[in-house]
mmCIF file of all heavy atoms, coordinates in Angstrom:
data_MODEL
# 
_entry.id   MODEL 
# 
loop_
_atom_site.group_PDB 
_atom_site.id 
_atom_site.type_symbol 
_atom_site.label_atom_id 
_atom_site.label_alt_id 
_atom_site.label_comp_id 
_atom_site.label_asym_id 
_atom_site.label_entity_id 
_atom_site.label_seq_id 
_atom_site.pdbx_PDB_ins_code 
_atom_site.Cartn_x 
_atom_site.Cartn_y 
_atom_site.Cartn_z 
_atom_site.occupancy 
_atom_site.B_iso_or_equiv 
_atom_site.pdbx_formal_charge 
_atom_site.auth_seq_id 
_atom_site.auth_comp_id 
_atom_site.auth_asym_id 
_atom_site.auth_atom_id 
_atom_site.pdbx_PDB_model_num 
ATOM 1   N N   . HIS A 1 1  ? -46.037 8.460  -88.422  1.00 0.00 ? 1  HIS A N   1 
ATOM 2   C CA  . HIS A 1 1  ? -45.072 7.853  -87.514  1.00 0.00 ? 1  HIS A CA  1 
ATOM 3   C C   . HIS A 1 1  ? -44.118 8.913  -86.961  1.00 0.00 ? 1  HIS A C   1 
ATOM 4   O O   . HIS A 1 1  ? -43.670 8.815  -85.819  1.00 0.00 ? 1  HIS A O   1 
ATOM 5   C CB  . HIS A 1 1  ? -44.281 6.764  -88.245  1.00 0.00 ? 1  HIS A CB  1 
ATOM 6   C CG  . HIS A 1 1  ? -45.120 5.617  -88.710  1.00 0.00 ? 1  HIS A CG  1 
ATOM 7   N ND1 . HIS A 1 1  ? -45.918 4.890  -87.851  1.00 0.00 ? 1  HIS A ND1 1 
ATOM 8   C CD2 . HIS A 1 1  ? -45.284 5.063  -89.941  1.00 0.00 ? 1  HIS A CD2 1 
ATOM 9   C CE1 . HIS A 1 1  ? -46.541 3.934  -88.536  1.00 0.00 ? 1  HIS A CE1 1 
ATOM 10  N NE2 . HIS A 1 1  ? -46.176 4.027  -89.799  1.00 0.00 ? 1  HIS A NE2 1 
ATOM 11  N N   . ALA A 1 2  ? -43.811 9.920  -87.753  1.00 0.00 ? 2  ALA A N   1 
ATOM 12  C CA  . ALA A 1 2  ? -42.891 10.970 -87.310  1.00 0.00 ? 2  ALA A CA  1 
ATOM 13  C C   . ALA A 1 2  ? -43.525 11.845 -86.227  1.00 0.00 ? 2  ALA A C   1 
ATOM 14  O O   . ALA A 1 2  ? -42.891 12.164 -85.218  1.00 0.00 ? 2  ALA A O   1 
ATOM 15  C CB  . ALA A 1 2  ? -42.462 11.825 -88.496  1.00 0.00 ? 2  ALA A CB  1 
ATOM 16  N N   . HIS A 1 3  ? -44.783 12.233 -86.445  1.00 0.00 ? 3  HIS A N   1 
ATOM 17  C CA  . HIS A 1 3  ? -45.478 13.096 -85.490  1.00 0.00 ? 3  HIS A CA  1 
ATOM 18  C C   . HIS A 1 3  ? -46.274 12.294 -84.465  1.00 0.00 ? 3  HIS A C   1 
ATOM 19  O O   . HIS A 1 3  ? -46.849 12.885 -83.545  1.00 0.00 ? 3  HIS A O   1 
ATOM 20  C CB  . HIS A 1 3  ? -46.403 14.064 -86.224  1.00 0.00 ? 3  HIS A CB  1 
ATOM 21  C CG  . HIS A 1 3  ? -45.687 15.132 -86.995  1.00 0.00 ? 3  HIS A CG  1 
ATOM 22  N ND1 . HIS A 1 3  ? -45.479 16.395 -86.503  1.00 0.00 ? 3  HIS A ND1 1 
ATOM 23  C CD2 . HIS A 1 3  ? -45.114 15.101 -88.223  1.00 0.00 ? 3  HIS A CD2 1 
ATOM 24  C CE1 . HIS A 1 3  ? -44.822 17.117 -87.393  1.00 0.00 ? 3  HIS A CE1 1 
ATOM 25  N NE2 . HIS A 1 3  ? -44.583 16.359 -88.453  1.00 0.00 ? 3  HIS A NE2 1 
ATOM 26  N N   . ARG A 1 4  ? -46.322 10.987 -84.647  1.00 0.00 ? 4  ARG A N   1 
ATOM 27  C CA  . ARG A 1 4  ? -46.963 10.073 -83.696  1.00 0.00 ? 4  ARG A CA  1 
ATOM 28  C C   . ARG A 1 4  ? -48.436 10.415 -83.472  1.00 0.00 ? 4  ARG A C   1 
ATOM 29  O O   . ARG A 1 4  ? -48.906 10.564 -82.344  1.00 0.00 ? 4  ARG A O   1 
ATOM 30  C CB  . ARG A 1 4  ? -46.229 10.081 -82.348  1.00 0.00 ? 4  ARG A CB  1 
ATOM 31  C CG  . ARG A 1 4  ? -44.732 9.920  -82.420  1.00 0.00 ? 4  ARG A CG  1 
ATOM 32  C CD  . ARG A 1 4  ? -44.316 8.566  -82.980  1.00 0.00 ? 4  ARG A CD  1 
ATOM 33  N NE  . ARG A 1 4  ? -44.467 7.466  -82.026  1.00 0.00 ? 4  ARG A NE  1 
ATOM 34  C CZ  . ARG A 1 4  ? -44.061 6.216  -82.271  1.00 0.00 ? 4  ARG A CZ  1 
ATOM 35  N NH1 . ARG A 1 4  ? -43.511 5.921  -83.445  1.00 0.00 ? 4  ARG A NH1 1 
ATOM 36  N NH2 . ARG A 1 4  ? -44.218 5.288  -81.376  1.00 0.00 ? 4  ARG A NH2 1 
ATOM 37  N N   . PHE A 1 5  ? -49.169 10.534 -84.571  1.00 0.00 ? 5  PHE A N   1 
ATOM 38  C CA  . PHE A 1 5  ? -50.597 10.759 -84.418  1.00 0.00 ? 5  PHE A CA  1 
ATOM 39  C C   . PHE A 1 5  ? -51.386 9.834  -85.335  1.00 0.00 ? 5  PHE A C   1 
ATOM 40  O O   . PHE A 1 5  ? -50.897 9.344  -86.343  1.00 0.00 ? 5  PHE A O   1 
ATOM 41  C CB  . PHE A 1 5  ? -50.973 12.224 -84.664  1.00 0.00 ? 5  PHE A CB  1 
ATOM 42  C CG  . PHE A 1 5  ? -50.904 12.672 -86.107  1.00 0.00 ? 5  PHE A CG  1 
ATOM 43  C CD1 . PHE A 1 5  ? -51.865 12.311 -87.040  1.00 0.00 ? 5  PHE A CD1 1 
ATOM 44  C CD2 . PHE A 1 5  ? -49.864 13.497 -86.527  1.00 0.00 ? 5  PHE A CD2 1 
ATOM 45  C CE1 . PHE A 1 5  ? -51.806 12.737 -88.354  1.00 0.00 ? 5  PHE A CE1 1 
ATOM 46  C CE2 . PHE A 1 5  ? -49.782 13.929 -87.850  1.00 0.00 ? 5  PHE A CE2 1 
ATOM 47  C CZ  . PHE A 1 5  ? -50.760 13.544 -88.765  1.00 0.00 ? 5  PHE A CZ  1 
ATOM 48  N N   . VAL A 1 6  ? -52.634 9.618  -84.951  1.00 0.00 ? 6  VAL A N   1 
ATOM 49  C CA  . VAL A 1 6  ? -53.607 8.877  -85.750  1.00 0.00 ? 6  VAL A CA  1 
ATOM 50  C C   . VAL A 1 6  ? -54.893 9.682  -85.760  1.00 0.00 ? 6  VAL A C   1 
ATOM 51  O O   . VAL A 1 6  ? -55.431 10.025 -84.698  1.00 0.00 ? 6  VAL A O   1 
ATOM 52  C CB  . VAL A 1 6  ? -53.891 7.484  -85.159  1.00 0.00 ? 6  VAL A CB  1 
ATOM 53  C CG1 . VAL A 1 6  ? -54.984 6.778  -85.968  1.00 0.00 ? 6  VAL A CG1 1 
ATOM 54  C CG2 . VAL A 1 6  ? -52.638 6.631  -85.116  1.00 0.00 ? 6  VAL A CG2 1 
ATOM 55  N N   . PHE A 1 7  ? -55.368 10.014 -86.951  1.00 0.00 ? 7  PHE A N   1 
ATOM 56  C CA  . PHE A 1 7  ? -56.680 10.653 -87.076  1.00 0.00 ? 7  PHE A CA  1 
ATOM 57  C C   . PHE A 1 7  ? -57.654 9.632  -87.630  1.00 0.00 ? 7  PHE A C   1 
ATOM 58  O O   . PHE A 1 7  ? -57.436 9.059  -88.694  1.00 0.00 ? 7  PHE A O   1 
ATOM 59  C CB  . PHE A 1 7  ? -56.633 11.873 -87.995  1.00 0.00 ? 7  PHE A CB  1 
ATOM 60  C CG  . PHE A 1 7  ? -58.013 12.391 -88.344  1.00 0.00 ? 7  PHE A CG  1 
ATOM 61  C CD1 . PHE A 1 7  ? -58.851 12.850 -87.338  1.00 0.00 ? 7  PHE A CD1 1 
ATOM 62  C CD2 . PHE A 1 7  ? -58.469 12.388 -89.652  1.00 0.00 ? 7  PHE A CD2 1 
ATOM 63  C CE1 . PHE A 1 7  ? -60.130 13.303 -87.642  1.00 0.00 ? 7  PHE A CE1 1 
ATOM 64  C CE2 . PHE A 1 7  ? -59.738 12.840 -89.963  1.00 0.00 ? 7  PHE A CE2 1 
ATOM 65  C CZ  . PHE A 1 7  ? -60.573 13.307 -88.958  1.00 0.00 ? 7  PHE A CZ  1 
ATOM 66  N N   . LEU A 1 8  ? -58.735 9.399  -86.908  1.00 0.00 ? 8  LEU A N   1 
ATOM 67  C CA  . LEU A 1 8  ? -59.773 8.464  -87.321  1.00 0.00 ? 8  LEU A CA  1 
ATOM 68  C C   . LEU A 1 8  ? -60.954 9.251  -87.875  1.00 0.00 ? 8  LEU A C   1 
ATOM 69  O O   . LEU A 1 8  ? -61.497 10.140 -87.209  1.00 0.00 ? 8  LEU A O   1 
ATOM 70  C CB  . LEU A 1 8  ? -60.204 7.601  -86.134  1.00 0.00 ? 8  LEU A CB  1 
ATOM 71  C CG  . LEU A 1 8  ? -59.125 6.615  -85.675  1.00 0.00 ? 8  LEU A CG  1 
ATOM 72  C CD1 . LEU A 1 8  ? -59.224 6.363  -84.188  1.00 0.00 ? 8  LEU A CD1 1 
ATOM 73  C CD2 . LEU A 1 8  ? -59.248 5.307  -86.441  1.00 0.00 ? 8  LEU A CD2 1 
ATOM 74  N N   . SER A 1 9  ? -61.356 8.924  -89.097  1.00 0.00 ? 9  SER A N   1 
ATOM 75  C CA  . SER A 1 9  ? -62.364 9.698  -89.814  1.00 0.00 ? 9  SER A CA  1 
ATOM 76  C C   . SER A 1 9  ? -63.769 9.188  -89.518  1.00 0.00 ? 9  SER A C   1 
ATOM 77  O O   . SER A 1 9  ? -64.225 8.212  -90.115  1.00 0.00 ? 9  SER A O   1 
ATOM 78  C CB  . SER A 1 9  ? -62.104 9.626  -91.325  1.00 0.00 ? 9  SER A CB  1 
ATOM 79  O OG  . SER A 1 9  ? -60.816 10.092 -91.636  1.00 0.00 ? 9  SER A OG  1 
ATOM 80  N N   . ASN A 1 10 ? -64.449 9.847  -88.617  1.00 0.00 ? 10 ASN A N   1 
ATOM 81  C CA  . ASN A 1 10 ? -65.822 9.500  -88.278  1.00 0.00 ? 10 ASN A CA  1 
ATOM 82  C C   . ASN A 1 10 ? -66.755 10.026 -89.365  1.00 0.00 ? 10 ASN A C   1 
ATOM 83  O O   . ASN A 1 10 ? -66.685 11.193 -89.744  1.00 0.00 ? 10 ASN A O   1 
ATOM 84  C CB  . ASN A 1 10 ? -66.187 10.121 -86.920  1.00 0.00 ? 10 ASN A CB  1 
ATOM 85  C CG  . ASN A 1 10 ? -67.395 9.481  -86.297  1.00 0.00 ? 10 ASN A CG  1 
ATOM 86  O OD1 . ASN A 1 10 ? -67.965 8.522  -86.825  1.00 0.00 ? 10 ASN A OD1 1 
ATOM 87  N ND2 . ASN A 1 10 ? -67.799 9.995  -85.149  1.00 0.00 ? 10 ASN A ND2 1 
ATOM 88  N N   . THR A 1 11 ? -67.620 9.181  -89.884  1.00 0.00 ? 11 THR A N   1 
ATOM 89  C CA  . THR A 1 11 ? -68.452 9.542  -91.030  1.00 0.00 ? 11 THR A CA  1 
ATOM 90  C C   . THR A 1 11 ? -69.391 10.702 -90.718  1.00 0.00 ? 11 THR A C   1 
ATOM 91  O O   . THR A 1 11 ? -69.916 10.807 -89.614  1.00 0.00 ? 11 THR A O   1 
ATOM 92  C CB  . THR A 1 11 ? -69.299 8.347  -91.510  1.00 0.00 ? 11 THR A CB  1 
ATOM 93  O OG1 . THR A 1 11 ? -70.154 7.920  -90.445  1.00 0.00 ? 11 THR A OG1 1 
ATOM 94  C CG2 . THR A 1 11 ? -68.423 7.208  -91.949  1.00 0.00 ? 11 THR A CG2 1 
ATOM 95  N N   . GLN A 1 12 ? -69.610 11.560 -91.730  1.00 0.00 ? 12 GLN A N   1 
ATOM 96  C CA  . GLN A 1 12 ? -70.493 12.716 -91.616  1.00 0.00 ? 12 GLN A CA  1 
ATOM 97  C C   . GLN A 1 12 ? -70.194 13.548 -90.364  1.00 0.00 ? 12 GLN A C   1 
ATOM 98  O O   . GLN A 1 12 ? -71.092 14.110 -89.755  1.00 0.00 ? 12 GLN A O   1 
ATOM 99  C CB  . GLN A 1 12 ? -71.966 12.283 -91.609  1.00 0.00 ? 12 GLN A CB  1 
ATOM 100 C CG  . GLN A 1 12 ? -72.602 12.144 -92.980  1.00 0.00 ? 12 GLN A CG  1 
ATOM 101 C CD  . GLN A 1 12 ? -72.328 10.764 -93.574  1.00 0.00 ? 12 GLN A CD  1 
ATOM 102 O OE1 . GLN A 1 12 ? -72.474 9.755  -92.888  1.00 0.00 ? 12 GLN A OE1 1 
ATOM 103 N NE2 . GLN A 1 12 ? -71.954 10.721 -94.834  1.00 0.00 ? 12 GLN A NE2 1 
ATOM 104 N N   . SER A 1 13 ? -68.921 13.631 -90.022  1.00 0.00 ? 13 SER A N   1 
ATOM 105 C CA  . SER A 1 13 ? -68.523 14.414 -88.848  1.00 0.00 ? 13 SER A CA  1 
ATOM 106 C C   . SER A 1 13 ? -67.303 15.277 -89.159  1.00 0.00 ? 13 SER A C   1 
ATOM 107 O O   . SER A 1 13 ? -66.393 15.425 -88.344  1.00 0.00 ? 13 SER A O   1 
ATOM 108 C CB  . SER A 1 13 ? -68.223 13.481 -87.672  1.00 0.00 ? 13 SER A CB  1 
ATOM 109 O OG  . SER A 1 13 ? -69.354 12.735 -87.307  1.00 0.00 ? 13 SER A OG  1 
ATOM 110 N N   . GLY A 1 14 ? -67.285 15.825 -90.367  1.00 0.00 ? 14 GLY A N   1 
ATOM 111 C CA  . GLY A 1 14 ? -66.213 16.716 -90.770  1.00 0.00 ? 14 GLY A CA  1 
ATOM 112 C C   . GLY A 1 14 ? -64.938 16.032 -91.203  1.00 0.00 ? 14 GLY A C   1 
ATOM 113 O O   . GLY A 1 14 ? -63.919 16.689 -91.396  1.00 0.00 ? 14 GLY A O   1 
ATOM 114 N N   . SER A 1 15 ? -64.976 14.718 -91.377  1.00 0.00 ? 15 SER A N   1 
ATOM 115 C CA  . SER A 1 15 ? -63.741 13.979 -91.630  1.00 0.00 ? 15 SER A CA  1 
ATOM 116 C C   . SER A 1 15 ? -63.094 14.335 -92.959  1.00 0.00 ? 15 SER A C   1 
ATOM 117 O O   . SER A 1 15 ? -61.867 14.397 -93.055  1.00 0.00 ? 15 SER A O   1 
ATOM 118 C CB  . SER A 1 15 ? -64.002 12.474 -91.559  1.00 0.00 ? 15 SER A CB  1 
ATOM 119 O OG  . SER A 1 15 ? -64.967 12.077 -92.521  1.00 0.00 ? 15 SER A OG  1 
ATOM 120 N N   . SER A 1 16 ? -63.891 14.562 -93.995  1.00 0.00 ? 16 SER A N   1 
ATOM 121 C CA  . SER A 1 16 ? -63.316 14.885 -95.309  1.00 0.00 ? 16 SER A CA  1 
ATOM 122 C C   . SER A 1 16 ? -62.543 16.192 -95.271  1.00 0.00 ? 16 SER A C   1 
ATOM 123 O O   . SER A 1 16 ? -61.512 16.343 -95.931  1.00 0.00 ? 16 SER A O   1 
ATOM 124 C CB  . SER A 1 16 ? -64.420 14.963 -96.372  1.00 0.00 ? 16 SER A CB  1 
ATOM 125 O OG  . SER A 1 16 ? -65.043 13.707 -96.544  1.00 0.00 ? 16 SER A OG  1 
ATOM 126 N N   . SER A 1 17 ? -63.041 17.138 -94.492  1.00 0.00 ? 17 SER A N   1 
ATOM 127 C CA  . SER A 1 17 ? -62.356 18.423 -94.372  1.00 0.00 ? 17 SER A CA  1 
ATOM 128 C C   . SER A 1 17 ? -61.104 18.306 -93.528  1.00 0.00 ? 17 SER A C   1 
ATOM 129 O O   . SER A 1 17 ? -60.035 18.811 -93.884  1.00 0.00 ? 17 SER A O   1 
ATOM 130 C CB  . SER A 1 17 ? -63.307 19.452 -93.734  1.00 0.00 ? 17 SER A CB  1 
ATOM 131 O OG  . SER A 1 17 ? -64.467 19.635 -94.516  1.00 0.00 ? 17 SER A OG  1 
ATOM 132 N N   . ILE A 1 18 ? -61.209 17.627 -92.407  1.00 0.00 ? 18 ILE A N   1 
ATOM 133 C CA  . ILE A 1 18 ? -60.116 17.597 -91.439  1.00 0.00 ? 18 ILE A CA  1 
ATOM 134 C C   . ILE A 1 18 ? -58.926 16.809 -91.950  1.00 0.00 ? 18 ILE A C   1 
ATOM 135 O O   . ILE A 1 18 ? -57.770 17.207 -91.750  1.00 0.00 ? 18 ILE A O   1 
ATOM 136 C CB  . ILE A 1 18 ? -60.616 17.022 -90.100  1.00 0.00 ? 18 ILE A CB  1 
ATOM 137 C CG1 . ILE A 1 18 ? -61.666 17.951 -89.500  1.00 0.00 ? 18 ILE A CG1 1 
ATOM 138 C CG2 . ILE A 1 18 ? -59.456 16.834 -89.125  1.00 0.00 ? 18 ILE A CG2 1 
ATOM 139 C CD1 . ILE A 1 18 ? -62.378 17.369 -88.292  1.00 0.00 ? 18 ILE A CD1 1 
ATOM 140 N N   . ARG A 1 19 ? -59.164 15.681 -92.615  1.00 0.00 ? 19 ARG A N   1 
ATOM 141 C CA  . ARG A 1 19 ? -58.030 14.829 -92.971  1.00 0.00 ? 19 ARG A CA  1 
ATOM 142 C C   . ARG A 1 19 ? -57.128 15.444 -94.041  1.00 0.00 ? 19 ARG A C   1 
ATOM 143 O O   . ARG A 1 19 ? -56.017 14.966 -94.254  1.00 0.00 ? 19 ARG A O   1 
ATOM 144 C CB  . ARG A 1 19 ? -58.514 13.445 -93.397  1.00 0.00 ? 19 ARG A CB  1 
ATOM 145 C CG  . ARG A 1 19 ? -59.351 13.373 -94.635  1.00 0.00 ? 19 ARG A CG  1 
ATOM 146 C CD  . ARG A 1 19 ? -59.867 11.950 -94.812  1.00 0.00 ? 19 ARG A CD  1 
ATOM 147 N NE  . ARG A 1 19 ? -60.692 11.818 -96.006  1.00 0.00 ? 19 ARG A NE  1 
ATOM 148 C CZ  . ARG A 1 19 ? -61.797 11.082 -96.050  1.00 0.00 ? 19 ARG A CZ  1 
ATOM 149 N NH1 . ARG A 1 19 ? -62.204 10.415 -94.991  1.00 0.00 ? 19 ARG A NH1 1 
ATOM 150 N NH2 . ARG A 1 19 ? -62.497 10.993 -97.172  1.00 0.00 ? 19 ARG A NH2 1 
ATOM 151 N N   . LYS A 1 20 ? -57.561 16.522 -94.674  1.00 0.00 ? 20 LYS A N   1 
ATOM 152 C CA  . LYS A 1 20 ? -56.700 17.209 -95.636  1.00 0.00 ? 20 LYS A CA  1 
ATOM 153 C C   . LYS A 1 20 ? -55.576 17.978 -94.938  1.00 0.00 ? 20 LYS A C   1 
ATOM 154 O O   . LYS A 1 20 ? -54.493 18.154 -95.499  1.00 0.00 ? 20 LYS A O   1 
ATOM 155 C CB  . LYS A 1 20 ? -57.533 18.172 -96.497  1.00 0.00 ? 20 LYS A CB  1 
ATOM 156 C CG  . LYS A 1 20 ? -58.450 17.474 -97.497  1.00 0.00 ? 20 LYS A CG  1 
ATOM 157 C CD  . LYS A 1 20 ? -59.188 18.489 -98.335  1.00 0.00 ? 20 LYS A CD  1 
ATOM 158 C CE  . LYS A 1 20 ? -60.053 17.811 -99.387  1.00 0.00 ? 20 LYS A CE  1 
ATOM 159 N NZ  . LYS A 1 20 ? -59.271 17.041 -100.368 1.00 0.00 ? 20 LYS A NZ  1 
ATOM 160 N N   . LEU A 1 21 ? -55.840 18.435 -93.714  1.00 0.00 ? 21 LEU A N   1 
ATOM 161 C CA  . LEU A 1 21 ? -54.871 19.281 -93.024  1.00 0.00 ? 21 LEU A CA  1 
ATOM 162 C C   . LEU A 1 21 ? -53.580 18.546 -92.661  1.00 0.00 ? 21 LEU A C   1 
ATOM 163 O O   . LEU A 1 21 ? -52.495 19.089 -92.839  1.00 0.00 ? 21 LEU A O   1 
ATOM 164 C CB  . LEU A 1 21 ? -55.512 19.896 -91.783  1.00 0.00 ? 21 LEU A CB  1 
ATOM 165 C CG  . LEU A 1 21 ? -56.681 20.851 -92.065  1.00 0.00 ? 21 LEU A CG  1 
ATOM 166 C CD1 . LEU A 1 21 ? -57.284 21.346 -90.764  1.00 0.00 ? 21 LEU A CD1 1 
ATOM 167 C CD2 . LEU A 1 21 ? -56.225 22.037 -92.910  1.00 0.00 ? 21 LEU A CD2 1 
ATOM 168 N N   . PRO A 1 22 ? -53.652 17.325 -92.124  1.00 0.00 ? 22 PRO A N   1 
ATOM 169 C CA  . PRO A 1 22 ? -52.400 16.632 -91.787  1.00 0.00 ? 22 PRO A CA  1 
ATOM 170 C C   . PRO A 1 22 ? -51.795 15.848 -92.954  1.00 0.00 ? 22 PRO A C   1 
ATOM 171 O O   . PRO A 1 22 ? -50.802 15.144 -92.758  1.00 0.00 ? 22 PRO A O   1 
ATOM 172 C CB  . PRO A 1 22 ? -52.833 15.684 -90.670  1.00 0.00 ? 22 PRO A CB  1 
ATOM 173 C CG  . PRO A 1 22 ? -54.245 15.361 -90.976  1.00 0.00 ? 22 PRO A CG  1 
ATOM 174 C CD  . PRO A 1 22 ? -54.818 16.616 -91.579  1.00 0.00 ? 22 PRO A CD  1 
ATOM 175 N N   . ASP A 1 23 ? -52.353 15.967 -94.149  1.00 0.00 ? 23 ASP A N   1 
ATOM 176 C CA  . ASP A 1 23 ? -51.852 15.200 -95.299  1.00 0.00 ? 23 ASP A CA  1 
ATOM 177 C C   . ASP A 1 23 ? -50.336 15.303 -95.494  1.00 0.00 ? 23 ASP A C   1 
ATOM 178 O O   . ASP A 1 23 ? -49.662 14.291 -95.663  1.00 0.00 ? 23 ASP A O   1 
ATOM 179 C CB  . ASP A 1 23 ? -52.561 15.628 -96.585  1.00 0.00 ? 23 ASP A CB  1 
ATOM 180 C CG  . ASP A 1 23 ? -53.797 14.791 -96.872  1.00 0.00 ? 23 ASP A CG  1 
ATOM 181 O OD1 . ASP A 1 23 ? -54.089 13.892 -96.060  1.00 0.00 ? 23 ASP A OD1 1 
ATOM 182 O OD2 . ASP A 1 23 ? -54.460 15.034 -97.885  1.00 0.00 ? 23 ASP A OD2 1 
ATOM 183 N N   . PRO A 1 24 ? -49.753 16.515 -95.487  1.00 0.00 ? 24 PRO A N   1 
ATOM 184 C CA  . PRO A 1 24 ? -48.303 16.614 -95.741  1.00 0.00 ? 24 PRO A CA  1 
ATOM 185 C C   . PRO A 1 24 ? -47.442 15.953 -94.666  1.00 0.00 ? 24 PRO A C   1 
ATOM 186 O O   . PRO A 1 24 ? -46.255 15.733 -94.881  1.00 0.00 ? 24 PRO A O   1 
ATOM 187 C CB  . PRO A 1 24 ? -48.060 18.131 -95.782  1.00 0.00 ? 24 PRO A CB  1 
ATOM 188 C CG  . PRO A 1 24 ? -49.397 18.737 -96.032  1.00 0.00 ? 24 PRO A CG  1 
ATOM 189 C CD  . PRO A 1 24 ? -50.365 17.845 -95.346  1.00 0.00 ? 24 PRO A CD  1 
ATOM 190 N N   . TYR A 1 25 ? -48.059 15.654 -93.517  1.00 0.00 ? 25 TYR A N   1 
ATOM 191 C CA  . TYR A 1 25 ? -47.295 15.107 -92.392  1.00 0.00 ? 25 TYR A CA  1 
ATOM 192 C C   . TYR A 1 25 ? -47.661 13.651 -92.102  1.00 0.00 ? 25 TYR A C   1 
ATOM 193 O O   . TYR A 1 25 ? -47.246 13.087 -91.100  1.00 0.00 ? 25 TYR A O   1 
ATOM 194 C CB  . TYR A 1 25 ? -47.544 15.963 -91.148  1.00 0.00 ? 25 TYR A CB  1 
ATOM 195 C CG  . TYR A 1 25 ? -47.391 17.430 -91.454  1.00 0.00 ? 25 TYR A CG  1 
ATOM 196 C CD1 . TYR A 1 25 ? -48.489 18.204 -91.807  1.00 0.00 ? 25 TYR A CD1 1 
ATOM 197 C CD2 . TYR A 1 25 ? -46.141 18.031 -91.450  1.00 0.00 ? 25 TYR A CD2 1 
ATOM 198 C CE1 . TYR A 1 25 ? -48.345 19.550 -92.133  1.00 0.00 ? 25 TYR A CE1 1 
ATOM 199 C CE2 . TYR A 1 25 ? -45.981 19.370 -91.765  1.00 0.00 ? 25 TYR A CE2 1 
ATOM 200 C CZ  . TYR A 1 25 ? -47.090 20.124 -92.113  1.00 0.00 ? 25 TYR A CZ  1 
ATOM 201 O OH  . TYR A 1 25 ? -46.946 21.452 -92.446  1.00 0.00 ? 25 TYR A OH  1 
ATOM 202 N N   . SER A 1 26 ? -48.445 13.049 -93.019  1.00 0.00 ? 26 SER A N   1 
ATOM 203 C CA  . SER A 1 26 ? -48.938 11.691 -92.804  1.00 0.00 ? 26 SER A CA  1 
ATOM 204 C C   . SER A 1 26 ? -48.138 10.685 -93.618  1.00 0.00 ? 26 SER A C   1 
ATOM 205 O O   . SER A 1 26 ? -47.890 10.892 -94.802  1.00 0.00 ? 26 SER A O   1 
ATOM 206 C CB  . SER A 1 26 ? -50.421 11.602 -93.189  1.00 0.00 ? 26 SER A CB  1 
ATOM 207 O OG  . SER A 1 26 ? -51.203 12.479 -92.404  1.00 0.00 ? 26 SER A OG  1 
# 
């Protein structure tokens, strides 16, 4: 809500790797 973003995790498309990056800001 602070950074106003939504990341949608598409299966078998790098989602497990990518969603770790914005964790501290989610």
